């Protein structure tokens, strides 16, 4: 590129690169777009519209501006990561000679321990749905799968009937960055899914065009279920067994990981099951199990 394109044009090229070459999801691309457009607007107000004019001082001013606007540390950290990826792309394409984000420090995040349910609460949770109704069978299957596998909300929504290998007790899920992994699924979860599929009204297995729907979980209209519906279902049931502030499907993912570690599972194995890129992400759960051990110690040891 010899014509010194503007920041705005380069952001468009970067987003196309993420979509076509990196095969990122539309949700991830939208996040990058929002972060980078905010930076382009900020730079334009300072009279800067070329990447060659961006240095670490401009970047630091932008991050300071975000904090002044009341953005949380987590949001600022994500925007910092978006800027890093963008300028790395520009350096790779030889648009800029040096990457100004290399000396940029990411805002330190407060380590927030994930909320989870204890084993007795999970047993109560899984007994709540009315399994004599199709909706109850669906709700039970959703929560059984979450707790049995630890998959993400997006992974559950995108689960297809062909992804379940009943004989081997395995499911294939598509995670972040379209990466696929094969993980175990418990017998009770498979039974719950099969009961739901069997109980589904035959008319619901076809969408408006009459084409067979491959999704495991369907909405009332017979199409693939929406994340918002799953979120509200899980929240409603968790509220009946716990006073946790957050009651999202992610709580069941946290619960899955915590219960495995509490019962002696290897940290690396849990990392692979969850589909984490880095072991440090999974290590957050060891804080939960350590806190639990400390609590037991202080309650039980006579000299604690």
Protein backbone atom coordinates (compact mmCIF):
# COMPACT_ATOMS: atom_id res chain seq x y z
CA UNK A 1 0.00 0.00 0.00
CA UNK A 2 1.79 3.16 -1.22
CA UNK A 3 -1.05 5.73 -1.12
CA UNK A 4 -1.21 6.44 2.63
CA UNK A 5 -4.84 5.39 3.23
CA UNK A 6 -6.75 6.94 6.11
CA UNK A 7 -7.40 5.26 9.46
CA UNK A 8 -11.07 4.87 8.54
CA UNK A 9 -10.25 2.98 5.33
CA UNK A 10 -7.65 0.82 7.09
CA UNK A 11 -10.16 -0.18 9.77
CA UNK A 12 -12.50 -1.38 6.98
CA UNK A 13 -9.65 -3.41 5.43
CA UNK A 14 -8.79 -4.88 8.83
CA UNK A 15 -12.40 -5.94 9.46
CA UNK A 16 -12.51 -7.58 6.00
CA UNK A 17 -9.28 -9.40 6.88
CA UNK A 18 -10.83 -10.71 10.11
CA UNK A 19 -13.91 -11.90 8.27
CA UNK A 20 -12.34 -13.43 5.15
CA UNK A 21 -8.87 -14.57 6.18
CA UNK A 22 -9.32 -15.20 9.91
CA UNK A 23 -12.94 -16.41 9.65
CA UNK A 24 -13.95 -14.57 12.85
CA UNK A 25 -17.59 -14.60 13.93
CA UNK A 26 -19.83 -11.62 13.12
CA UNK A 27 -20.14 -10.92 16.88
CA UNK A 28 -16.34 -10.67 17.31
CA UNK A 29 -15.97 -8.49 14.20
CA UNK A 30 -18.68 -6.15 15.48
CA UNK A 31 -16.77 -5.78 18.77
CA UNK A 32 -13.55 -4.88 16.90
CA UNK A 33 -15.50 -2.44 14.74
CA UNK A 34 -17.03 -0.61 17.74
CA UNK A 35 -13.65 -0.35 19.49
CA UNK A 36 -11.75 0.89 16.44
CA UNK A 37 -14.42 3.31 15.21
CA UNK A 38 -14.35 4.94 18.67
CA UNK A 39 -10.57 5.34 18.31
CA UNK A 40 -10.87 6.76 14.77
CA UNK A 41 -13.40 9.35 15.99
CA UNK A 42 -11.17 10.30 18.93
CA UNK A 43 -8.14 10.69 16.63
CA UNK A 44 -10.13 12.75 14.12
CA UNK A 45 -11.04 15.24 16.85
CA UNK A 46 -7.31 15.73 17.38
CA UNK A 47 -6.79 16.28 13.66
CA UNK A 48 -5.21 12.84 13.09
CA UNK A 49 -6.47 10.59 10.31
CA UNK A 50 -3.31 8.71 9.26
CA UNK A 51 -1.80 5.75 11.16
CA UNK A 52 1.72 7.17 10.68
CA UNK A 53 0.74 10.05 13.00
CA UNK A 54 -0.27 7.70 15.84
CA UNK A 55 2.24 7.29 18.65
CA UNK A 56 2.02 5.93 22.19
CA UNK A 57 1.00 9.37 23.52
CA UNK A 58 -2.07 9.44 21.28
CA UNK A 59 -2.96 5.92 22.40
CA UNK A 60 -2.52 6.79 26.08
CA UNK A 61 -4.68 9.89 25.62
CA UNK A 62 -7.40 7.70 24.11
CA UNK A 63 -7.30 5.25 27.04
CA UNK A 64 -7.37 8.16 29.52
CA UNK A 65 -10.38 9.55 27.64
CA UNK A 66 -12.17 6.19 28.01
CA UNK A 67 -11.60 6.19 31.78
CA UNK A 68 -12.85 9.79 31.95
CA UNK A 69 -15.99 8.69 30.10
CA UNK A 70 -16.62 6.09 32.81
CA UNK A 71 -15.66 2.91 30.91
CA UNK A 72 -14.86 -0.06 33.14
CA UNK A 73 -11.33 -1.47 33.24
CA UNK A 74 -12.51 -4.61 31.44
CA UNK A 75 -13.89 -2.53 28.52
CA UNK A 76 -10.72 -0.44 28.30
CA UNK A 77 -8.60 -3.62 28.33
CA UNK A 78 -10.67 -5.05 25.47
CA UNK A 79 -10.31 -1.85 23.43
CA UNK A 80 -6.56 -1.94 24.09
CA UNK A 81 -6.45 -5.51 22.74
CA UNK A 82 -8.37 -4.38 19.63
CA UNK A 83 -5.84 -1.59 19.02
CA UNK A 84 -2.96 -4.05 19.42
CA UNK A 85 -4.45 -6.38 16.79
CA UNK A 86 -5.16 -3.50 14.41
CA UNK A 87 -1.65 -2.00 14.57
CA UNK A 88 -0.06 -5.44 14.36
CA UNK A 89 -2.02 -5.90 11.12
CA UNK A 90 -0.83 -2.51 9.83
CA UNK A 91 2.81 -3.38 10.63
CA UNK A 92 2.42 -6.75 8.90
CA UNK A 93 1.01 -5.00 5.81
CA UNK A 94 3.92 -2.51 5.96
CA UNK A 95 1.55 0.44 6.32
CA UNK A 96 3.55 1.61 9.36
CA UNK A 97 7.24 1.20 10.17
CA UNK A 98 6.82 0.54 13.88
CA UNK A 99 3.92 -0.63 16.07
CA UNK A 100 3.03 2.09 18.64
CA UNK A 101 1.08 -0.37 20.82
CA UNK A 102 4.18 -2.41 21.76
CA UNK A 103 4.96 -0.09 24.68
CA UNK A 104 1.30 0.30 25.64
CA UNK A 105 0.39 -1.33 28.95
CA UNK A 106 -2.99 -3.00 29.36
CA UNK A 107 -5.08 -1.79 32.33
CA UNK A 108 -4.81 -4.32 35.15
CA UNK A 109 -8.11 -6.07 35.77
CA UNK A 110 -9.45 -6.80 39.21
CA UNK A 111 -9.53 -10.58 39.61
CA UNK A 112 -13.15 -11.43 40.10
CA UNK A 113 -13.79 -14.93 41.35
CA UNK A 114 -16.47 -16.67 39.31
CA UNK A 115 -19.75 -17.47 41.03
CA UNK A 116 -20.77 -21.12 41.14
CA UNK A 117 -23.35 -23.44 42.67
CA UNK A 118 -22.51 -26.13 45.21
CA UNK A 119 -23.32 -29.73 44.37
CA UNK A 120 -26.56 -29.84 46.37
CA UNK A 121 -27.82 -26.67 44.63
CA UNK A 122 -27.10 -28.26 41.23
CA UNK A 123 -29.10 -31.36 42.18
CA UNK A 124 -32.03 -29.14 43.19
CA UNK A 125 -31.64 -27.10 40.00
CA UNK A 126 -31.79 -30.14 37.73
CA UNK A 127 -34.90 -31.44 39.50
CA UNK A 128 -36.89 -28.22 38.95
CA UNK A 129 -38.07 -28.48 35.30
CA UNK A 130 -41.44 -30.14 34.74
CA UNK A 131 -40.36 -33.01 32.49
CA UNK A 132 -43.97 -33.87 31.58
CA UNK A 133 -44.00 -30.87 29.18
CA UNK A 134 -41.94 -30.18 26.07
CA UNK A 135 -40.71 -26.87 27.52
CA UNK A 136 -39.74 -28.60 30.75
CA UNK A 137 -37.87 -31.30 28.81
CA UNK A 138 -36.07 -28.56 26.87
CA UNK A 139 -35.14 -26.64 30.04
CA UNK A 140 -33.88 -29.80 31.72
CA UNK A 141 -31.81 -30.76 28.67
CA UNK A 142 -30.27 -27.27 28.44
CA UNK A 143 -29.13 -27.29 32.07
CA UNK A 144 -28.00 -30.92 32.01
CA UNK A 145 -25.81 -30.19 28.96
CA UNK A 146 -24.34 -27.02 30.50
CA UNK A 147 -23.45 -28.78 33.76
CA UNK A 148 -22.26 -32.00 32.09
CA UNK A 149 -19.95 -30.34 29.54
CA UNK A 150 -19.11 -26.80 30.70
CA UNK A 151 -19.72 -25.44 27.19
CA UNK A 152 -20.35 -21.77 26.48
CA UNK A 153 -23.79 -20.31 25.71
CA UNK A 154 -22.87 -19.80 22.03
CA UNK A 155 -21.66 -23.39 21.81
CA UNK A 156 -24.92 -24.76 23.20
CA UNK A 157 -27.04 -22.62 20.88
CA UNK A 158 -25.04 -23.83 17.86
CA UNK A 159 -25.16 -27.50 18.86
CA UNK A 160 -26.56 -29.78 16.15
CA UNK A 161 -28.06 -33.24 16.54
CA UNK A 162 -25.24 -34.66 14.41
CA UNK A 163 -22.70 -33.29 16.92
CA UNK A 164 -23.72 -35.83 19.57
CA UNK A 165 -22.02 -39.24 19.48
CA UNK A 166 -24.21 -41.26 21.83
CA UNK A 167 -22.22 -44.47 21.60
CA UNK A 168 -18.93 -42.84 22.58
CA UNK A 169 -20.47 -40.28 24.95
CA UNK A 170 -18.89 -37.33 23.10
CA UNK A 171 -20.04 -34.05 21.59
CA UNK A 172 -18.39 -31.80 19.02
CA UNK A 173 -18.62 -28.08 19.81
CA UNK A 174 -17.52 -25.01 17.86
CA UNK A 175 -15.91 -22.46 20.16
CA UNK A 176 -14.23 -19.07 19.87
CA UNK A 177 -12.55 -18.38 16.54
CA UNK A 178 -14.60 -21.23 15.01
CA UNK A 179 -12.28 -23.75 16.69
CA UNK A 180 -13.82 -27.16 17.16
CA UNK A 181 -13.18 -29.54 20.05
CA UNK A 182 -14.57 -32.92 21.02
CA UNK A 183 -15.44 -33.35 24.69
CA UNK A 184 -17.21 -35.94 26.87
CA UNK A 185 -20.89 -35.63 27.74
CA UNK A 186 -22.50 -37.52 30.63
CA UNK A 187 -25.13 -40.20 30.19
CA UNK A 188 -27.77 -38.21 32.08
CA UNK A 189 -27.27 -35.21 29.80
CA UNK A 190 -27.62 -37.39 26.68
CA UNK A 191 -30.77 -38.97 28.12
CA UNK A 192 -32.20 -35.50 28.83
CA UNK A 193 -31.45 -34.37 25.26
CA UNK A 194 -33.01 -37.52 23.79
CA UNK A 195 -36.11 -37.12 25.96
CA UNK A 196 -36.46 -33.54 24.73
CA UNK A 197 -35.97 -34.49 21.08
CA UNK A 198 -38.51 -37.31 21.41
CA UNK A 199 -41.01 -35.01 23.11
CA UNK A 200 -40.68 -32.24 20.59
CA UNK A 201 -43.77 -31.73 18.45
CA UNK A 202 -43.04 -33.14 14.96
CA UNK A 203 -44.13 -29.83 13.44
CA UNK A 204 -41.46 -28.00 15.41
CA UNK A 205 -38.63 -29.86 13.71
CA UNK A 206 -39.30 -27.95 10.49
CA UNK A 207 -38.89 -24.26 9.89
CA UNK A 208 -41.10 -22.00 7.80
CA UNK A 209 -39.78 -23.40 4.50
CA UNK A 210 -40.28 -27.01 5.58
CA UNK A 211 -36.54 -27.65 5.66
CA UNK A 212 -35.42 -30.01 8.42
CA UNK A 213 -33.77 -28.08 11.26
CA UNK A 214 -30.51 -29.61 12.45
CA UNK A 215 -30.32 -27.66 15.72
CA UNK A 216 -30.73 -29.53 18.99
CA UNK A 217 -32.53 -26.70 20.77
CA UNK A 218 -35.40 -24.93 19.02
CA UNK A 219 -37.49 -21.86 19.76
CA UNK A 220 -41.30 -21.91 19.77
CA UNK A 221 -41.21 -20.96 16.07
CA UNK A 222 -39.24 -24.12 15.26
CA UNK A 223 -35.95 -22.36 14.50
CA UNK A 224 -32.62 -22.52 16.34
CA UNK A 225 -33.04 -21.14 19.85
CA UNK A 226 -31.73 -17.63 20.61
CA UNK A 227 -29.04 -17.00 23.27
CA UNK A 228 -31.39 -14.55 25.03
CA UNK A 229 -34.03 -17.27 25.47
CA UNK A 230 -31.49 -19.70 26.92
CA UNK A 231 -30.18 -16.96 29.23
CA UNK A 232 -33.63 -16.18 30.61
CA UNK A 233 -34.42 -19.89 31.10
CA UNK A 234 -31.24 -20.53 33.10
CA UNK A 235 -31.60 -17.32 35.11
CA UNK A 236 -35.15 -18.25 36.13
CA UNK A 237 -34.10 -21.65 37.49
CA UNK A 238 -30.87 -20.51 39.19
CA UNK A 239 -32.90 -17.84 41.03
CA UNK A 240 -34.87 -20.65 42.68
CA UNK A 241 -31.80 -22.33 44.19
CA UNK A 242 -29.25 -19.53 44.71
CA UNK A 243 -28.87 -15.89 45.70
CA UNK A 244 -25.88 -15.36 43.40
CA UNK A 245 -25.81 -11.85 41.92
CA UNK A 246 -25.11 -13.23 38.44
CA UNK A 247 -27.42 -15.99 37.28
CA UNK A 248 -26.29 -16.48 33.68
CA UNK A 249 -25.48 -19.72 31.84
CA UNK A 250 -21.82 -18.90 32.55
CA UNK A 251 -22.51 -19.77 36.20
CA UNK A 252 -23.05 -23.40 35.11
CA UNK A 253 -19.76 -23.31 33.17
CA UNK A 254 -18.01 -22.01 36.32
CA UNK A 255 -19.78 -24.69 38.36
CA UNK A 256 -18.66 -27.45 35.99
CA UNK A 257 -15.00 -26.38 36.24
CA UNK A 258 -15.05 -25.82 40.00
CA UNK A 259 -16.66 -29.19 40.76
CA UNK A 260 -14.10 -30.99 38.59
CA UNK A 261 -11.18 -29.30 40.37
CA UNK A 262 -12.75 -29.86 43.78
CA UNK A 263 -12.80 -33.58 43.00
CA UNK A 264 -9.17 -33.66 41.92
CA UNK A 265 -9.29 -33.11 38.14
CA UNK A 266 -6.06 -32.04 36.43
CA UNK A 267 -5.96 -28.32 35.63
CA UNK A 268 -4.73 -28.87 32.06
CA UNK A 269 -7.55 -31.36 31.41
CA UNK A 270 -10.10 -28.79 32.63
CA UNK A 271 -8.46 -26.19 30.36
CA UNK A 272 -8.93 -28.48 27.35
CA UNK A 273 -12.54 -29.28 28.29
CA UNK A 274 -13.39 -25.58 28.58
CA UNK A 275 -11.60 -24.72 25.33
CA UNK A 276 -9.38 -22.09 26.94
CA UNK A 277 -6.41 -20.83 24.90
CA UNK A 278 -4.26 -20.24 27.97
CA UNK A 279 -3.82 -22.14 31.22
CA UNK A 280 -3.83 -18.81 33.08
CA UNK A 281 -7.51 -18.38 32.19
CA UNK A 282 -8.34 -21.74 33.76
CA UNK A 283 -6.20 -20.99 36.83
CA UNK A 284 -8.86 -18.52 37.97
CA UNK A 285 -10.84 -21.56 39.12
CA UNK A 286 -8.03 -22.70 41.39
CA UNK A 287 -8.63 -19.53 43.42
CA UNK A 288 -12.18 -20.74 44.01
CA UNK A 289 -11.07 -24.20 45.14
CA UNK A 290 -8.29 -22.70 47.29
CA UNK A 291 -10.79 -20.39 49.01
CA UNK A 292 -13.00 -23.41 49.68
CA UNK A 293 -10.07 -25.35 51.20
CA UNK A 294 -9.16 -22.38 53.40
CA UNK A 295 -12.74 -22.13 54.61
CA UNK A 296 -12.84 -25.85 55.47
CA UNK A 297 -9.47 -25.53 57.20
CA UNK A 298 -10.55 -22.61 59.38
CA UNK A 299 -13.84 -24.30 60.23
CA UNK A 300 -12.31 -27.65 61.07
CA UNK A 301 -8.75 -27.23 62.41
CA UNK A 302 -8.56 -26.73 66.20
CA UNK A 303 -5.55 -24.41 65.94
CA UNK A 304 -6.66 -22.49 62.83
